[in-house]
C-alpha atoms as a PDB file:
ATOM      1  CA  UNK A   1     172.496 166.048 103.370  1.00  0.00           C
ATOM      2  CA  UNK A   2     169.511 168.299 102.826  1.00  0.00           C
ATOM      3  CA  UNK A   3     166.042 167.228 103.931  1.00  0.00           C
ATOM      4  CA  UNK A   4     162.876 168.040 102.016  1.00  0.00           C
ATOM      5  CA  UNK A   5     161.701 171.436 103.301  1.00  0.00           C
ATOM      6  CA  UNK A   6     158.507 172.155 101.433  1.00  0.00           C
ATOM      7  CA  UNK A   7     155.827 169.983  99.923  1.00  0.00           C
ATOM      8  CA  UNK A   8     152.897 171.028  97.781  1.00  0.00           C
ATOM      9  CA  UNK A   9     151.402 173.104 100.607  1.00  0.00           C
ATOM     10  CA  UNK A  10     153.201 176.433 100.314  1.00  0.00           C
ATOM     11  CA  UNK A  11     150.922 178.477 102.561  1.00  0.00           C
ATOM     12  CA  UNK A  12     152.624 180.791 105.049  1.00  0.00           C
ATOM     13  CA  UNK A  13     151.405 178.630 107.921  1.00  0.00           C
ATOM     14  CA  UNK A  14     152.731 175.401 106.369  1.00  0.00           C
ATOM     15  CA  UNK A  15     156.087 176.985 105.554  1.00  0.00           C
ATOM     16  CA  UNK A  16     156.290 178.400 109.070  1.00  0.00           C
ATOM     17  CA  UNK A  17     155.617 174.987 110.597  1.00  0.00           C
ATOM     18  CA  UNK A  18     158.425 173.503 108.516  1.00  0.00           C
ATOM     19  CA  UNK A  19     160.778 176.279 109.584  1.00  0.00           C
ATOM     20  CA  UNK A  20     159.898 175.655 113.250  1.00  0.00           C
ATOM     21  CA  UNK A  21     160.351 171.895 112.935  1.00  0.00           C
ATOM     22  CA  UNK A  22     163.698 172.272 111.179  1.00  0.00           C
ATOM     23  CA  UNK A  23     164.885 174.930 113.669  1.00  0.00           C
ATOM     24  CA  UNK A  24     163.942 172.788 116.645  1.00  0.00           C
ATOM     25  CA  UNK A  25     165.567 169.770 114.981  1.00  0.00           C
ATOM     26  CA  UNK A  26     168.826 171.720 114.849  1.00  0.00           C
ATOM     27  CA  UNK A  27     168.471 172.730 118.491  1.00  0.00           C
ATOM     28  CA  UNK A  28     168.304 176.453 117.689  1.00  0.00           C
ATOM     29  CA  UNK A  29     166.197 179.033 119.471  1.00  0.00           C
ATOM     30  CA  UNK A  30     164.253 181.658 117.548  1.00  0.00           C
ATOM     31  CA  UNK A  31     166.875 184.176 118.682  1.00  0.00           C
ATOM     32  CA  UNK A  32     169.687 181.936 117.368  1.00  0.00           C
ATOM     33  CA  UNK A  33     168.057 181.594 113.956  1.00  0.00           C
ATOM     34  CA  UNK A  34     167.202 185.290 113.672  1.00  0.00           C
ATOM     35  CA  UNK A  35     170.756 186.324 114.521  1.00  0.00           C
ATOM     36  CA  UNK A  36     172.271 184.041 111.852  1.00  0.00           C
ATOM     37  CA  UNK A  37     170.526 185.805 108.961  1.00  0.00           C
ATOM     38  CA  UNK A  38     172.525 188.282 106.852  1.00  0.00           C
ATOM     39  CA  UNK A  39     170.047 190.913 107.965  1.00  0.00           C
ATOM     40  CA  UNK A  40     169.322 189.747 111.513  1.00  0.00           C
ATOM     41  CA  UNK A  41     165.737 189.659 112.738  1.00  0.00           C
ATOM     42  CA  UNK A  42     164.322 189.409 116.239  1.00  0.00           C
ATOM     43  CA  UNK A  43     162.930 186.289 117.886  1.00  0.00           C
ATOM     44  CA  UNK A  44     159.528 187.936 117.524  1.00  0.00           C
ATOM     45  CA  UNK A  45     159.938 188.110 113.736  1.00  0.00           C
ATOM     46  CA  UNK A  46     160.961 184.433 113.619  1.00  0.00           C
ATOM     47  CA  UNK A  47     157.922 183.591 115.749  1.00  0.00           C
ATOM     48  CA  UNK A  48     155.660 185.453 113.312  1.00  0.00           C
ATOM     49  CA  UNK A  49     157.222 183.536 110.387  1.00  0.00           C
ATOM     50  CA  UNK A  50     156.682 180.236 112.175  1.00  0.00           C
ATOM     51  CA  UNK A  51     153.040 180.999 112.975  1.00  0.00           C
ATOM     52  CA  UNK A  52     152.384 182.111 109.397  1.00  0.00           C
ATOM     53  CA  UNK A  53     151.500 185.615 110.566  1.00  0.00           C
ATOM     54  CA  UNK A  54     154.262 187.192 108.468  1.00  0.00           C
ATOM     55  CA  UNK A  55     155.324 186.096 105.000  1.00  0.00           C
ATOM     56  CA  UNK A  56     158.938 185.040 104.613  1.00  0.00           C
ATOM     57  CA  UNK A  57     160.535 186.610 101.569  1.00  0.00           C
ATOM     58  CA  UNK A  58     162.298 184.357  99.077  1.00  0.00           C
ATOM     59  CA  UNK A  59     165.737 185.662 100.064  1.00  0.00           C
ATOM     60  CA  UNK A  60     165.137 185.130 103.796  1.00  0.00           C
ATOM     61  CA  UNK A  61     163.604 181.712 103.165  1.00  0.00           C
ATOM     62  CA  UNK A  62     166.646 180.707 101.109  1.00  0.00           C
ATOM     63  CA  UNK A  63     168.959 181.850 103.923  1.00  0.00           C
ATOM     64  CA  UNK A  64     166.896 180.021 106.528  1.00  0.00           C
ATOM     65  CA  UNK A  65     166.969 176.831 104.448  1.00  0.00           C
ATOM     66  CA  UNK A  66     170.766 177.106 104.163  1.00  0.00           C
ATOM     67  CA  UNK A  67     171.201 177.737 107.892  1.00  0.00           C
ATOM     68  CA  UNK A  68     168.948 174.811 108.788  1.00  0.00           C
ATOM     69  CA  UNK A  69     170.449 172.624 106.044  1.00  0.00           C
ATOM     70  CA  UNK A  70     167.114 171.858 104.429  1.00  0.00           C
ATOM     71  CA  UNK A  71     165.834 172.221 100.882  1.00  0.00           C
ATOM     72  CA  UNK A  72     162.603 173.691  99.640  1.00  0.00           C
ATOM     73  CA  UNK A  73     162.746 172.173  96.138  1.00  0.00           C
END
């Protein structure tokens, strides 16, 4: 079952916090998550997403939501 991923706050920082919480809830490291993407990214890139220092594109966010089994509806 998918959990709610995003609420009304869609800022990069808020989205990043939700990604981090969901990733940690699944027991994945930043390296694990980055390597599961169709176009793999480094742990550093995942860290930047989670801190809100780099925007996550819609395609990557959709992939991340699928990997972490969460929804952003």
